[in-house]
Amino acid sequence: MKQLKLLCVIILLLLPAALVLGSDEPSNSNDRTCYPPAAEENALREFFRKMNGEAWRKSGNWLQGNPCGDARQSNWFGVMCSPCQENVRHVEILTLEWNNVIGTFGEFLGQLPRLQVLNLGTNHISGELPDVFANMSQLHTVKLSYNRISGRWPSSLSSATRLEVVDLPYNDLAGDVNEILASHPRLRVLNLRGNRGFGGDLGTAGLHLARLVELRVLDLYWNVVGGTLPPELFSLPKLEELSLTNNEISGELPAAMNLPKLRILQLSDNYIEGELPVALAQLAHLQILDAERNDLEGSIPDVFGSLPGLIEVRLKNKRLSGPLPASLFRLAQLKVLDVSNNDLGGAIPAAVGGLKSLKRLDLSHCRLTGVLPPQLGQLKTLESLTIANNRISGEFLVVWER
């Protein structure tokens, strides 16, 4: 009997702690040393409730104890806080990428005024972004890629002037790219790929672009951006990736290209006209050149000797003419070469055997003549060869034998 009474006493003593451990409300413990403010903790709890927290892939310690962690337990998974000052820590990072977060944002996001990084990419978040960013003066990274977020770019995000990384590809957002460029001079990454709703006249954004001296990635693929290509866009000292594919850009490529770090240049599926500039030779670190399906004309400039790192060259158009430049066949790292559907003439040079890494070669629907060079048989990595609709003769000699 004494053992039974002792067991009952132990259970009664432990019961309040167990209730507190799984509570949806902030802890009422007297020991709240270095907790975040109640409003921030409430915002996190609301986020957990509204965003399917019970079914997250990882949710370690959520709703238990101090969200920032302490001597008794570590922080809530994905939550990181500032150092403790005056007995308070502020939520600075919320990162739950690829974590089965499901739901729509609410006003609770605005209760995290010291937030610096918001990373909820590759989840199932839908609805609109709430217009609650006006007080988030320290926010520098927003990563919400591969969700179902819709609506317009929130005007209050223009107040977050410290933004450096905006990574929102493959949502259903809309807005004016010029407004974003004008509001965020510290941008390092602007990735709006695949939203299909961002527009604006890029040709009028020159002054805004000139300030973006830290910009490394500008990806506007598959949107509705129009206008011409301003020269300031091709004078960004740290730009590494520029993708404007599948927009409504017109005009000509600039005559000068001062992009010393550019690796990726994707301009396909627009209305760009004129000739390919000799200035391409200035892009010494270029790896991908994709300007297919535009209105380009004239000859392909013989500049590839200055671009030894090229991996892909895609120039499928309608009106490029002249012979294939000799320097094109000295690119030892080239894997993809597509110059199909043009008015290119002349013969395939024997130098094609120098493309030691080539996997795909498409020369179809041109006006090439002559005999198929036997050096094609030296391309041991070649997986696809298309030369249809030309005037080429000769035999293809055991090219596939390894």
Protein backbone atom coordinates (compact mmCIF):
# COMPACT_ATOMS: atom_id res chain seq x y z
CA MET A 1 0.00 0.00 0.00
CA LYS A 2 2.86 2.40 0.87
CA GLN A 3 4.44 1.70 -2.55
CA LEU A 4 1.11 2.52 -4.27
CA LYS A 5 0.80 5.84 -2.41
CA LEU A 6 4.40 6.75 -3.30
CA LEU A 7 3.72 6.03 -6.99
CA CYS A 8 0.60 8.24 -6.94
CA VAL A 9 2.60 11.11 -5.40
CA ILE A 10 5.30 10.82 -8.13
CA ILE A 11 2.66 10.87 -10.89
CA LEU A 12 0.99 13.96 -9.41
CA LEU A 13 4.35 15.73 -9.20
CA LEU A 14 5.25 14.97 -12.82
CA LEU A 15 1.83 15.74 -14.32
CA PRO A 16 2.16 19.56 -14.47
CA ALA A 17 5.54 19.29 -16.22
CA ALA A 18 4.09 16.93 -18.80
CA LEU A 19 1.22 19.31 -19.47
CA VAL A 20 3.58 22.23 -19.95
CA LEU A 21 5.85 20.20 -22.28
CA GLY A 22 3.18 19.73 -24.94
CA SER A 23 1.41 23.05 -24.52
CA ASP A 24 0.48 25.26 -27.46
CA GLU A 25 0.95 28.36 -25.30
CA PRO A 26 4.13 30.08 -24.13
CA SER A 27 5.62 28.54 -21.05
CA ASN A 28 4.36 30.05 -17.79
CA SER A 29 7.49 28.93 -16.00
CA ASN A 30 9.07 31.59 -13.81
CA ASP A 31 12.40 30.74 -15.42
CA ARG A 32 12.21 32.46 -18.82
CA THR A 33 15.88 33.32 -19.02
CA CYS A 34 16.85 34.39 -22.53
CA TYR A 35 13.52 33.52 -24.13
CA PRO A 36 12.31 35.47 -27.17
CA PRO A 37 9.61 38.09 -26.49
CA ALA A 38 6.14 36.63 -26.03
CA ALA A 39 4.95 38.06 -29.37
CA GLU A 40 7.72 36.24 -31.25
CA GLU A 41 7.11 32.97 -29.43
CA ASN A 42 3.38 33.26 -30.10
CA ALA A 43 4.10 33.88 -33.77
CA LEU A 44 6.14 30.67 -33.98
CA ARG A 45 3.42 28.69 -32.23
CA GLU A 46 0.82 30.12 -34.59
CA PHE A 47 3.05 29.24 -37.53
CA PHE A 48 3.27 25.63 -36.30
CA ARG A 49 -0.51 25.36 -35.90
CA LYS A 50 -1.42 27.00 -39.22
CA MET A 51 1.29 25.32 -41.31
CA ASN A 52 0.71 21.63 -40.60
CA GLY A 53 3.40 21.37 -37.93
CA GLU A 54 2.28 17.95 -36.73
CA ALA A 55 3.09 16.49 -40.17
CA TRP A 56 6.44 18.21 -40.79
CA ARG A 57 9.32 15.95 -41.71
CA LYS A 58 11.32 17.40 -38.86
CA SER A 59 9.91 19.31 -35.90
CA GLY A 60 12.32 18.61 -33.09
CA ASN A 61 11.49 20.42 -29.81
CA TRP A 62 8.72 22.58 -31.31
CA LEU A 63 6.25 23.84 -28.68
CA GLN A 64 8.59 22.65 -25.91
CA GLY A 65 10.54 24.99 -23.69
CA ASN A 66 12.61 27.85 -25.08
CA PRO A 67 12.35 28.21 -28.89
CA CYS A 68 15.94 29.50 -28.91
CA GLY A 69 17.23 26.64 -26.82
CA ASP A 70 18.93 26.69 -23.43
CA ALA A 71 20.91 24.45 -21.10
CA ARG A 72 18.02 21.99 -20.84
CA GLN A 73 17.27 21.47 -24.53
CA SER A 74 18.36 22.62 -27.97
CA ASN A 75 16.47 25.13 -30.07
CA TRP A 76 13.30 24.35 -32.00
CA PHE A 77 14.27 22.76 -35.30
CA GLY A 78 14.90 25.46 -37.92
CA VAL A 79 14.77 28.36 -35.45
CA MET A 80 17.91 30.33 -34.64
CA CYS A 81 18.13 33.36 -32.41
CA SER A 82 20.37 36.26 -31.53
CA PRO A 83 22.76 36.17 -28.54
CA CYS A 84 21.11 36.84 -25.20
CA GLN A 85 21.05 40.52 -24.27
CA GLU A 86 19.13 41.95 -21.33
CA ASN A 87 17.67 38.50 -20.77
CA VAL A 88 16.08 38.39 -24.26
CA ARG A 89 16.89 36.60 -27.52
CA HIS A 90 15.24 37.49 -30.81
CA VAL A 91 14.29 35.09 -33.61
CA GLU A 92 16.66 35.79 -36.51
CA ILE A 93 16.41 32.71 -38.74
CA LEU A 94 13.47 30.51 -39.69
CA THR A 95 14.57 27.78 -42.09
CA LEU A 96 12.35 24.79 -42.83
CA GLU A 97 13.25 23.97 -46.42
CA TRP A 98 11.77 20.76 -47.86
CA ASN A 99 9.88 20.00 -44.67
CA ASN A 100 6.27 19.37 -45.77
CA VAL A 101 5.16 22.80 -44.60
CA ILE A 102 1.56 23.18 -45.81
CA GLY A 103 -0.76 26.16 -45.55
CA THR A 104 -1.00 29.89 -46.13
CA PHE A 105 0.90 32.72 -44.49
CA GLY A 106 -0.82 34.83 -41.87
CA GLU A 107 -0.17 38.10 -40.10
CA PHE A 108 1.92 36.22 -37.52
CA LEU A 109 4.92 36.51 -39.83
CA GLY A 110 4.98 40.23 -39.08
CA GLN A 111 5.55 39.50 -35.38
CA LEU A 112 9.17 38.55 -36.08
CA PRO A 113 10.66 42.05 -36.52
CA ARG A 114 14.30 40.91 -36.09
CA LEU A 115 14.05 38.13 -38.68
CA GLN A 116 17.04 38.05 -41.03
CA VAL A 117 16.54 34.81 -42.97
CA LEU A 118 13.25 33.25 -44.08
CA ASN A 119 13.83 29.96 -45.89
CA LEU A 120 10.76 27.85 -46.62
CA GLY A 121 11.66 26.58 -50.08
CA THR A 122 10.32 23.36 -51.60
CA ASN A 123 7.15 23.05 -49.53
CA HIS A 124 3.41 23.33 -50.18
CA ILE A 125 2.73 26.93 -49.20
CA SER A 126 -0.08 28.61 -51.10
CA GLY A 127 -2.00 31.88 -51.07
CA GLU A 128 -0.51 35.35 -51.09
CA LEU A 129 2.47 36.78 -49.28
CA PRO A 130 1.13 38.95 -46.44
CA ASP A 131 2.00 42.64 -46.58
CA VAL A 132 3.75 42.56 -43.20
CA PHE A 133 7.41 43.23 -44.05
CA ALA A 134 7.51 46.95 -43.28
CA ASN A 135 8.99 46.43 -39.80
CA MET A 136 11.49 43.75 -40.84
CA SER A 137 14.39 46.14 -41.26
CA GLN A 138 17.03 43.39 -40.82
CA LEU A 139 15.61 40.90 -43.33
CA HIS A 140 18.30 40.03 -45.89
CA THR A 141 17.33 36.60 -47.26
CA VAL A 142 13.94 35.37 -48.51
CA LYS A 143 13.91 31.88 -50.04
CA LEU A 144 10.48 30.50 -50.93
CA SER A 145 11.22 28.52 -54.08
CA TYR A 146 9.02 25.71 -55.40
CA ASN A 147 5.80 26.53 -53.59
CA ARG A 148 2.38 27.68 -54.79
CA ILE A 149 2.50 31.28 -53.63
CA SER A 150 0.38 33.63 -55.72
CA GLY A 151 -0.61 37.28 -55.88
CA ARG A 152 1.54 40.37 -56.26
CA TRP A 153 4.90 41.23 -54.79
CA PRO A 154 4.04 42.84 -51.41
CA SER A 155 4.66 46.57 -51.38
CA SER A 156 6.00 46.36 -47.82
CA LEU A 157 8.94 44.28 -49.09
CA SER A 158 10.22 47.49 -50.65
CA SER A 159 10.86 48.68 -47.08
CA ALA A 160 13.22 45.76 -46.46
CA THR A 161 16.15 47.66 -47.97
CA ARG A 162 18.73 45.18 -46.59
CA LEU A 163 17.51 42.39 -48.86
CA GLU A 164 20.42 40.58 -50.49
CA VAL A 165 18.90 37.26 -51.57
CA VAL A 166 15.45 36.98 -53.15
CA ASP A 167 14.94 33.38 -54.26
CA LEU A 168 11.33 32.81 -55.34
CA PRO A 169 11.44 30.57 -58.44
CA TYR A 170 8.50 28.48 -59.58
CA ASN A 171 5.64 30.15 -57.79
CA ASP A 172 2.77 32.17 -59.29
CA LEU A 173 3.82 35.65 -58.24
CA ALA A 174 3.56 38.87 -60.22
CA GLY A 175 5.10 42.32 -59.98
CA ASP A 176 7.32 44.92 -61.59
CA VAL A 177 10.99 43.91 -61.83
CA ASN A 178 12.03 47.57 -62.06
CA GLU A 179 10.43 48.28 -58.69
CA ILE A 180 12.36 45.42 -57.10
CA LEU A 181 15.66 46.51 -58.61
CA ALA A 182 15.06 50.09 -57.46
CA SER A 183 14.22 49.15 -53.86
CA HIS A 184 17.04 46.75 -53.09
CA PRO A 185 20.51 48.11 -53.93
CA ARG A 186 22.24 45.36 -51.91
CA LEU A 187 20.91 42.50 -54.02
CA ARG A 188 23.26 39.59 -54.62
CA VAL A 189 20.65 37.13 -55.93
CA LEU A 190 17.34 37.89 -57.64
CA ASN A 191 15.75 34.65 -58.82
CA LEU A 192 12.15 34.94 -60.06
CA ARG A 193 12.40 32.05 -62.53
CA GLY A 194 9.20 30.42 -63.72
CA ASN A 195 6.66 32.72 -62.07
CA ARG A 196 5.31 33.92 -65.43
CA GLY A 197 3.94 37.13 -63.91
CA PHE A 198 6.89 39.50 -63.40
CA GLY A 199 7.05 42.24 -66.01
CA GLY A 200 8.43 45.70 -66.53
CA ASP A 201 10.52 47.50 -69.12
CA LEU A 202 14.08 46.34 -68.58
CA GLY A 203 15.34 49.05 -70.90
CA THR A 204 14.40 51.73 -68.35
CA ALA A 205 16.12 50.00 -65.43
CA GLY A 206 19.65 51.14 -66.25
CA LEU A 207 20.08 53.51 -63.29
CA HIS A 208 18.84 50.87 -60.85
CA LEU A 209 21.08 48.18 -62.34
CA ALA A 210 24.14 50.41 -62.17
CA ARG A 211 23.88 50.42 -58.35
CA LEU A 212 23.80 46.63 -58.06
CA VAL A 213 27.54 46.18 -57.79
CA GLU A 214 27.14 43.04 -55.63
CA LEU A 215 24.66 41.28 -57.94
CA ARG A 216 25.75 37.74 -58.78
CA VAL A 217 22.57 36.11 -60.09
CA LEU A 218 19.75 37.68 -62.11
CA ASP A 219 17.30 34.98 -63.20
CA LEU A 220 14.05 36.16 -64.79
CA TYR A 221 13.47 33.06 -66.91
CA TRP A 222 9.85 32.51 -68.05
CA ASN A 223 8.22 35.81 -67.14
CA VAL A 224 6.87 38.74 -69.17
CA VAL A 225 9.74 41.21 -68.92
CA GLY A 226 9.95 43.48 -71.96
CA GLY A 227 12.04 46.34 -73.28
CA THR A 228 15.61 46.34 -74.54
CA LEU A 229 18.87 45.26 -72.93
CA PRO A 230 20.41 48.27 -71.15
CA PRO A 231 24.20 48.60 -71.32
CA GLU A 232 24.34 48.80 -67.50
CA LEU A 233 23.21 45.18 -67.36
CA PHE A 234 26.43 44.17 -69.13
CA SER A 235 28.68 46.17 -66.80
CA LEU A 236 28.07 44.41 -63.48
CA PRO A 237 31.44 43.43 -62.00
CA LYS A 238 30.29 40.39 -59.99
CA LEU A 239 27.48 39.00 -62.16
CA GLU A 240 27.88 35.24 -62.68
CA GLU A 241 24.48 34.14 -64.01
CA LEU A 242 22.15 36.08 -66.31
CA SER A 243 19.02 34.27 -67.49
CA LEU A 244 16.37 36.18 -69.41
CA THR A 245 15.02 33.22 -71.38
CA ASN A 246 11.37 33.19 -72.45
CA ASN A 247 10.45 36.84 -71.97
CA GLU A 248 9.53 39.66 -74.36
CA ILE A 249 12.89 41.37 -74.70
CA SER A 250 13.73 43.07 -77.98
CA GLY A 251 16.46 45.21 -79.49
CA GLU A 252 20.10 44.31 -80.02
CA LEU A 253 22.84 42.92 -77.81
CA PRO A 254 25.15 45.67 -76.50
CA ALA A 255 28.44 46.29 -78.24
CA ALA A 256 30.39 46.14 -74.95
CA MET A 257 30.24 43.34 -72.37
CA ASN A 258 32.20 44.06 -69.21
CA LEU A 259 31.16 41.00 -67.21
CA PRO A 260 34.44 39.49 -65.99
CA LYS A 261 32.81 36.78 -63.84
CA LEU A 262 29.87 35.75 -66.05
CA ARG A 263 29.48 31.97 -66.39
CA ILE A 264 25.91 31.63 -67.71
CA LEU A 265 24.26 33.78 -70.39
CA GLN A 266 20.76 32.61 -71.34
CA LEU A 267 18.78 34.83 -73.71
CA SER A 268 16.74 32.32 -75.73
CA ASP A 269 13.08 32.70 -76.72
CA ASN A 270 12.95 36.47 -76.98
CA TYR A 271 12.86 38.97 -79.85
CA ILE A 272 16.53 39.99 -79.82
CA GLU A 273 17.77 41.04 -83.23
CA GLY A 274 20.96 42.14 -84.92
CA GLU A 275 24.30 40.38 -84.88
CA LEU A 276 26.17 38.49 -82.21
CA PRO A 277 28.75 41.04 -81.00
CA VAL A 278 32.48 40.50 -81.06
CA ALA A 279 32.32 41.64 -77.42
CA LEU A 280 31.42 38.06 -76.49
CA ALA A 281 35.17 37.52 -76.43
CA GLN A 282 35.30 39.60 -73.23
CA LEU A 283 33.35 36.93 -71.30
CA ALA A 284 36.44 34.95 -70.39
CA HIS A 285 34.73 32.70 -67.82
CA LEU A 286 31.62 31.91 -69.87
CA GLN A 287 30.43 28.29 -69.69
CA ILE A 288 26.92 28.47 -71.20
CA LEU A 289 25.92 30.62 -74.19
CA ASP A 290 22.25 30.22 -75.10
CA ALA A 291 20.73 32.70 -77.53
CA GLU A 292 18.55 30.39 -79.61
CA ARG A 293 15.11 31.22 -80.99
CA ASN A 294 15.62 34.96 -81.41
CA ASP A 295 15.87 37.10 -84.55
CA LEU A 296 19.65 37.16 -84.75
CA GLU A 297 21.33 37.46 -88.12
CA GLY A 298 24.77 37.78 -89.66
CA SER A 299 27.78 35.57 -89.09
CA ILE A 300 28.87 33.86 -85.91
CA PRO A 301 31.92 35.83 -84.73
CA ASP A 302 35.18 33.91 -84.52
CA VAL A 303 35.72 34.67 -80.82
CA PHE A 304 35.63 31.25 -79.19
CA GLY A 305 39.36 31.09 -78.76
CA SER A 306 38.86 33.57 -75.91
CA LEU A 307 36.21 31.37 -74.28
CA PRO A 308 37.98 28.09 -73.46
CA GLY A 309 35.59 27.14 -70.65
CA LEU A 310 32.46 26.90 -72.80
CA ILE A 311 30.37 23.79 -72.10
CA GLU A 312 27.22 24.63 -74.07
CA VAL A 313 26.68 26.76 -77.19
CA ARG A 314 23.06 27.02 -78.35
CA LEU A 315 22.48 29.32 -81.33
CA LYS A 316 19.50 27.72 -83.05
CA ASN A 317 17.93 30.63 -84.96
CA LYS A 318 16.71 31.35 -88.46
CA ARG A 319 19.09 33.80 -90.06
CA LEU A 320 22.65 33.25 -88.86
CA SER A 321 24.82 32.85 -91.94
CA GLY A 322 28.36 32.31 -93.16
CA PRO A 323 30.76 29.48 -92.32
CA LEU A 324 31.20 27.86 -88.95
CA PRO A 325 34.03 29.75 -87.19
CA ALA A 326 37.23 27.77 -86.79
CA SER A 327 37.64 28.66 -83.10
CA LEU A 328 34.36 26.91 -82.35
CA PHE A 329 36.07 23.56 -82.90
CA ARG A 330 38.88 24.17 -80.45
CA LEU A 331 36.65 24.05 -77.37
CA ALA A 332 37.93 20.94 -75.60
CA GLN A 333 35.32 21.17 -72.81
CA LEU A 334 32.30 21.71 -75.07
CA LYS A 335 29.50 19.18 -74.49
CA VAL A 336 26.58 20.68 -76.45
CA LEU A 337 26.76 22.49 -79.80
CA ASP A 338 23.48 23.40 -81.50
CA VAL A 339 23.54 25.81 -84.44
CA SER A 340 20.61 24.23 -86.30
CA ASN A 341 17.93 26.00 -88.33
CA ASN A 342 20.21 28.67 -89.76
CA ASP A 343 21.64 29.69 -93.14
CA LEU A 344 25.12 28.51 -92.26
CA GLY A 345 27.17 27.31 -95.21
CA GLY A 346 30.48 25.68 -95.99
CA ALA A 347 31.79 22.33 -94.87
CA ILE A 348 32.13 20.72 -91.46
CA PRO A 349 35.85 21.18 -90.83
CA ALA A 350 38.20 18.35 -89.96
CA ALA A 351 38.89 20.29 -86.76
CA VAL A 352 35.59 18.94 -85.39
CA GLY A 353 37.69 16.07 -84.07
CA GLY A 354 39.06 18.46 -81.45
CA LEU A 355 35.76 18.54 -79.58
CA LYS A 356 36.88 15.77 -77.23
CA SER A 357 34.06 16.23 -74.69
CA LEU A 358 31.15 16.68 -77.11
CA LYS A 359 27.96 14.76 -76.33
CA ARG A 360 25.41 16.47 -78.58
CA LEU A 361 25.96 18.01 -82.02
CA ASP A 362 23.05 19.47 -84.01
CA LEU A 363 23.84 21.00 -87.40
CA SER A 364 20.49 20.18 -88.99
CA HIS A 365 18.43 22.42 -91.28
CA CYS A 366 21.34 24.53 -92.47
CA ARG A 367 23.09 24.82 -95.86
CA LEU A 368 26.22 22.90 -95.04
CA THR A 369 28.02 21.16 -97.91
CA GLY A 370 30.98 18.91 -98.51
CA VAL A 371 31.90 15.50 -97.22
CA LEU A 372 31.26 14.26 -93.72
CA PRO A 373 34.70 14.43 -92.10
CA PRO A 374 36.06 11.13 -90.75
CA GLN A 375 37.24 13.01 -87.65
CA LEU A 376 33.70 12.70 -86.33
CA GLY A 377 34.69 9.13 -85.56
CA GLN A 378 37.15 10.43 -82.98
CA LEU A 379 34.37 11.89 -80.82
CA LYS A 380 34.15 9.03 -78.35
CA THR A 381 31.80 10.90 -75.99
CA LEU A 382 29.27 11.76 -78.71
CA GLU A 383 25.73 10.58 -77.91
CA SER A 384 23.60 12.52 -80.40
CA LEU A 385 24.41 13.71 -83.92
CA THR A 386 21.83 15.47 -86.11
CA ILE A 387 22.81 16.68 -89.58
CA ALA A 388 19.51 16.30 -91.48
CA ASN A 389 18.47 18.72 -94.23
CA ASN A 390 21.89 19.77 -95.41
CA ARG A 391 23.89 19.02 -98.57
CA ILE A 392 26.46 16.80 -96.94
CA SER A 393 27.68 13.63 -98.62
CA GLY A 394 29.88 10.75 -97.54
CA GLU A 395 29.61 7.89 -95.09
CA PHE A 396 29.43 7.80 -91.35
CA LEU A 397 32.24 5.42 -90.43
CA VAL A 398 31.78 3.38 -87.25
CA VAL A 399 31.49 6.51 -85.17
CA TRP A 400 29.90 4.77 -82.20
CA GLU A 401 32.60 2.16 -81.71
CA ARG A 402 34.36 2.74 -78.39
